[in-house]
Structures are given as C-alpha cells and as structure tokens.
Amino acid sequence: MNFLLRFSRAVDWLNGQIGKYVIWLILASTVISAINAVVRKVLNVSSNAYLEVQWYLFAASFLIAAGYTLLNQEHVKVDVLVSRLSKRGQIWVDIIGFVFFLTPFCFAILWYGIPFFLQGYRSGEMSNNAGGLLRWPVYAMIPLGFSLLMLQGWSELIKRIAFLQGRIEDPTSKRGEKTAEEELAESIRRLAEAQTKSS
C-alpha cells in the first residue's frame, strides 16, 4: 500500500501541475477570439484558422483538465442520494464508481481514441474548412485527457482504500479551502484595509 500511496501522490502532483497551467489555454482562446473579432470588424479580414484554434484550445483545456477536476472533487455527483449514507458508505460508492464505471469508460475511450488519433496523424488530416488546421493535434487531446483522468481515478481509488484501512485521513474532505464567497469577502476586506492605510 505504501507504493500505491506514493503512486497516488505522484499522480496528484502531475494533475495538480497540469491544472495550474491549463488555465492559460482558456486565456489564449479568449485573446485569439477578441483579436479575431476586432480584425474582422476593423479590417474586414478573417480566417477559419482563428476560429479552429479557439476550438482546439477549448477542447484541450476541457480534456486535459479532467483529471485535475477529479483531483479537486469538482465532478458532478449525485449528492442528494449519497449524502444520506455514512462516510464509509460514501467511500464505497466512490470505489464502485471508480472500478466499475470510470475505469472501463476511460479504457473504452482510449481503445477507440488512440487509433483515431494515429489515423489522423498518419494521414495528415486537415479541416474541411478553407484555411483550416491539421486535425491530429486536437485528436491527441482525447487519449491524453482520458489517460490523465483514468490515472486520477486510480489515485482516488487508492486513497479511498487507504482511508478504509485507516492509513490516511478522509480524502473527500476539503480542508483549508475557501469558498468563492469567502475569497471575495477576504479580497474586499484587504481592499478596504489598503484604502484605509493610504488615506
């Protein structure tokens, strides 16, 4: 179990690092969208490549960050039903979900997604739109994203089994994290303090 917990920590670190930087893909997509809109309105010039790169960046951010989202317990759950169970019952629901649903689903996507990506890469498939881009970079996000998601699912599975064995604390509790409202209130308080000091 110690080896598995080290593996779990390594996966958590990997998806944590990816999550820190994938946000920049959203920013890049937003900037490209804004520039494209301005150029189209001012210079009456546009290209499908700008539209497609926005789609590529959004797809990449969504797929690559799936593991990070699971790490932070932000995936949708049926809390209405599960919250009525004991903590051990909730952990068992998670274990069943990781073993019988998440893992087979990720394997199925990888089974079809890897050949799909390889075929697009070997053929040099291009977009049908005029001025469109190569398709294989966005196809590569499918196996990459689902591999990271599956690894994170295994990490979460390991943590829940370790919790049931009494080796670690509850992996589902969010300790030390502030809600969006708490962060906003703290920002307002800091701003008010800064204004008080400057005046």
Protein backbone atom coordinates (compact mmCIF):
# COMPACT_ATOMS: atom_id res chain seq x y z
CA MET A 1 0.00 0.00 0.00
CA ASN A 2 2.91 2.39 0.63
CA PHE A 3 4.00 2.04 -3.00
CA LEU A 4 0.43 2.68 -4.17
CA LEU A 5 0.16 5.78 -1.99
CA ARG A 6 3.43 7.09 -3.48
CA PHE A 7 1.97 6.44 -6.94
CA SER A 8 -1.20 8.29 -5.88
CA ARG A 9 0.82 11.30 -4.67
CA ALA A 10 2.76 11.36 -7.96
CA VAL A 11 -0.46 11.33 -9.99
CA ASP A 12 -1.96 14.05 -7.77
CA TRP A 13 1.18 16.17 -8.27
CA LEU A 14 1.08 15.64 -12.06
CA ASN A 15 -2.57 16.61 -12.43
CA GLY A 16 -2.09 19.47 -9.97
CA GLN A 17 0.72 20.91 -12.10
CA ILE A 18 -1.29 20.47 -15.29
CA GLY A 19 -4.28 22.18 -13.70
CA LYS A 20 -2.18 25.22 -12.76
CA TYR A 21 -1.12 25.82 -16.34
CA VAL A 22 -4.09 24.67 -18.43
CA ILE A 23 -5.96 27.84 -17.45
CA TRP A 24 -3.64 29.69 -19.83
CA LEU A 25 -5.27 27.83 -22.72
CA ILE A 26 -8.57 29.50 -21.81
CA LEU A 27 -6.86 32.88 -21.72
CA ALA A 28 -5.21 32.22 -25.09
CA SER A 29 -8.54 31.18 -26.58
CA THR A 30 -10.19 34.34 -25.25
CA VAL A 31 -7.42 36.61 -26.56
CA ILE A 32 -7.48 34.98 -30.01
CA SER A 33 -11.27 35.33 -30.09
CA ALA A 34 -11.06 39.02 -29.21
CA ILE A 35 -8.31 39.73 -31.75
CA ASN A 36 -10.21 37.83 -34.43
CA ALA A 37 -13.38 39.83 -33.73
CA VAL A 38 -11.53 43.17 -33.84
CA VAL A 39 -9.64 42.31 -37.05
CA ARG A 40 -12.82 41.05 -38.69
CA LYS A 41 -14.76 44.24 -37.83
CA VAL A 42 -11.98 46.78 -38.43
CA LEU A 43 -10.11 45.27 -41.39
CA ASN A 44 -12.87 43.02 -42.73
CA VAL A 45 -10.41 40.09 -42.71
CA SER A 46 -10.87 36.75 -41.05
CA SER A 47 -9.66 33.17 -41.21
CA ASN A 48 -11.15 29.83 -40.24
CA ALA A 49 -7.79 29.02 -38.63
CA TYR A 50 -8.52 31.57 -35.87
CA LEU A 51 -11.90 30.01 -35.20
CA GLU A 52 -10.49 26.49 -35.20
CA VAL A 53 -7.57 27.28 -32.90
CA GLN A 54 -10.08 28.61 -30.37
CA TRP A 55 -11.94 25.31 -30.59
CA TYR A 56 -8.69 23.36 -30.25
CA LEU A 57 -7.61 25.32 -27.17
CA PHE A 58 -11.01 24.95 -25.53
CA ALA A 59 -11.09 21.21 -26.25
CA ALA A 60 -7.55 20.84 -24.90
CA SER A 61 -8.36 22.72 -21.69
CA PHE A 62 -11.52 20.70 -21.11
CA LEU A 63 -9.94 17.31 -21.77
CA ILE A 64 -6.54 17.85 -20.16
CA ALA A 65 -8.06 19.34 -17.00
CA ALA A 66 -10.50 16.45 -16.41
CA GLY A 67 -8.03 14.72 -14.08
CA TYR A 68 -7.37 17.99 -12.23
CA THR A 69 -11.11 18.47 -11.83
CA LEU A 70 -11.45 14.99 -10.31
CA LEU A 71 -8.49 15.68 -8.02
CA ASN A 72 -10.33 18.70 -6.65
CA GLN A 73 -13.63 16.80 -6.38
CA GLU A 74 -15.40 19.13 -8.77
CA HIS A 75 -17.03 16.49 -10.97
CA VAL A 76 -20.81 16.21 -10.73
CA LYS A 77 -22.03 13.77 -8.07
CA VAL A 78 -25.46 12.61 -7.01
CA ASP A 79 -25.06 14.11 -3.54
CA VAL A 80 -28.81 14.02 -2.87
CA LEU A 81 -28.63 10.23 -2.58
CA VAL A 82 -25.05 9.67 -1.44
CA SER A 83 -25.15 12.28 1.34
CA ARG A 84 -27.67 10.12 3.22
CA LEU A 85 -25.09 7.34 3.58
CA SER A 86 -22.45 7.05 6.28
CA LYS A 87 -18.91 8.21 5.41
CA ARG A 88 -17.86 4.58 4.81
CA GLY A 89 -20.91 4.12 2.57
CA GLN A 90 -19.97 7.21 0.57
CA ILE A 91 -16.42 5.92 0.19
CA TRP A 92 -17.73 2.55 -1.04
CA VAL A 93 -19.93 4.30 -3.62
CA ASP A 94 -16.82 6.13 -4.87
CA ILE A 95 -14.83 2.87 -5.02
CA ILE A 96 -17.57 1.14 -7.01
CA GLY A 97 -17.77 4.13 -9.34
CA PHE A 98 -14.01 4.21 -9.97
CA VAL A 99 -13.74 0.45 -10.54
CA PHE A 100 -16.90 -0.33 -12.49
CA PHE A 101 -17.67 2.93 -14.29
CA LEU A 102 -14.76 5.37 -14.61
CA THR A 103 -12.02 2.85 -15.44
CA PRO A 104 -13.98 0.87 -18.08
CA PHE A 105 -15.27 4.12 -19.61
CA CYS A 106 -11.72 5.53 -19.90
CA PHE A 107 -10.45 2.23 -21.34
CA ALA A 108 -13.23 2.30 -23.96
CA ILE A 109 -12.41 5.89 -24.96
CA LEU A 110 -8.70 5.04 -25.18
CA TRP A 111 -9.46 1.87 -27.18
CA TYR A 112 -11.16 3.94 -29.87
CA GLY A 113 -9.39 7.27 -29.31
CA ILE A 114 -5.79 6.15 -29.80
CA PRO A 115 -6.37 4.59 -33.27
CA PHE A 116 -8.48 7.63 -34.19
CA PHE A 117 -5.60 9.96 -33.28
CA LEU A 118 -2.99 7.76 -35.03
CA GLN A 119 -5.06 7.59 -38.21
CA GLY A 120 -5.42 11.39 -38.26
CA TYR A 121 -1.70 11.82 -37.59
CA ARG A 122 -0.57 9.37 -40.30
CA SER A 123 -2.94 10.79 -42.90
CA GLY A 124 -2.18 14.42 -42.05
CA GLU A 125 -5.92 15.04 -41.92
CA MET A 126 -6.84 18.67 -42.43
CA SER A 127 -10.01 20.56 -41.63
CA ASN A 128 -12.53 20.73 -44.49
CA ASN A 129 -12.90 24.47 -43.92
CA ALA A 130 -10.91 26.87 -46.09
CA GLY A 131 -7.77 27.86 -44.22
CA GLY A 132 -8.44 25.18 -41.63
CA LEU A 133 -5.82 23.47 -39.46
CA LEU A 134 -4.41 20.00 -39.03
CA ARG A 135 -6.79 17.81 -37.03
CA TRP A 136 -4.36 15.45 -35.26
CA PRO A 137 -3.27 17.92 -32.52
CA VAL A 138 -6.83 18.12 -31.20
CA TYR A 139 -7.30 14.36 -31.69
CA ALA A 140 -4.25 13.85 -29.46
CA MET A 141 -6.11 15.53 -26.61
CA ILE A 142 -8.56 12.61 -26.43
CA PRO A 143 -6.08 9.90 -25.35
CA LEU A 144 -4.06 12.39 -23.30
CA GLY A 145 -7.05 13.73 -21.41
CA PHE A 146 -8.62 10.35 -20.72
CA SER A 147 -5.28 8.87 -19.65
CA LEU A 148 -4.88 11.65 -17.09
CA LEU A 149 -8.48 11.17 -15.95
CA MET A 150 -8.03 7.41 -15.56
CA LEU A 151 -4.78 7.86 -13.63
CA GLN A 152 -6.50 10.32 -11.31
CA GLY A 153 -9.38 7.88 -10.86
CA TRP A 154 -6.89 5.21 -9.79
CA SER A 155 -5.25 7.69 -7.42
CA GLU A 156 -8.63 8.47 -5.85
CA LEU A 157 -9.38 4.74 -5.61
CA ILE A 158 -6.09 4.12 -3.78
CA LYS A 159 -6.78 6.98 -1.36
CA ARG A 160 -10.23 5.68 -0.54
CA ILE A 161 -8.99 2.14 0.08
CA ALA A 162 -6.20 3.55 2.27
CA PHE A 163 -8.80 5.56 4.19
CA LEU A 164 -10.91 2.44 4.80
CA GLN A 165 -7.76 0.75 6.12
CA GLY A 166 -7.13 3.67 8.48
CA ARG A 167 -3.86 4.67 6.77
CA ILE A 168 -4.83 8.22 5.76
CA GLU A 169 -7.37 10.89 6.64
CA ASP A 170 -10.61 11.31 4.71
CA PRO A 171 -9.59 12.08 1.11
CA THR A 172 -13.00 13.58 0.34
CA SER A 173 -12.84 16.41 2.89
CA LYS A 174 -11.76 19.78 1.56
CA ARG A 175 -9.64 21.16 4.36
CA GLY A 176 -8.40 24.71 4.29
CA GLU A 177 -10.12 25.64 1.05
CA LYS A 178 -12.21 28.77 0.93
CA THR A 179 -15.46 29.12 -0.93
CA ALA A 180 -15.76 31.71 -3.69
CA GLU A 181 -17.80 33.87 -1.31
CA GLU A 182 -15.11 33.67 1.39
CA GLU A 183 -12.40 34.61 -1.12
CA LEU A 184 -14.48 37.56 -2.33
CA ALA A 185 -15.09 38.74 1.24
CA GLU A 186 -11.38 38.49 2.01
CA SER A 187 -10.49 40.46 -1.14
CA ILE A 188 -12.96 43.18 -0.20
CA ARG A 189 -11.56 43.30 3.35
CA ARG A 190 -7.98 43.61 2.05
CA LEU A 191 -9.01 46.35 -0.39
CA ALA A 192 -10.76 48.24 2.40
CA GLU A 193 -7.69 47.93 4.65
CA ALA A 194 -5.42 49.17 1.85
CA GLN A 195 -7.67 52.20 1.25
CA THR A 196 -7.78 52.95 4.98
CA LYS A 197 -3.97 52.88 5.20
CA SER A 198 -3.49 55.09 2.13
CA SER A 199 -5.91 57.76 3.39
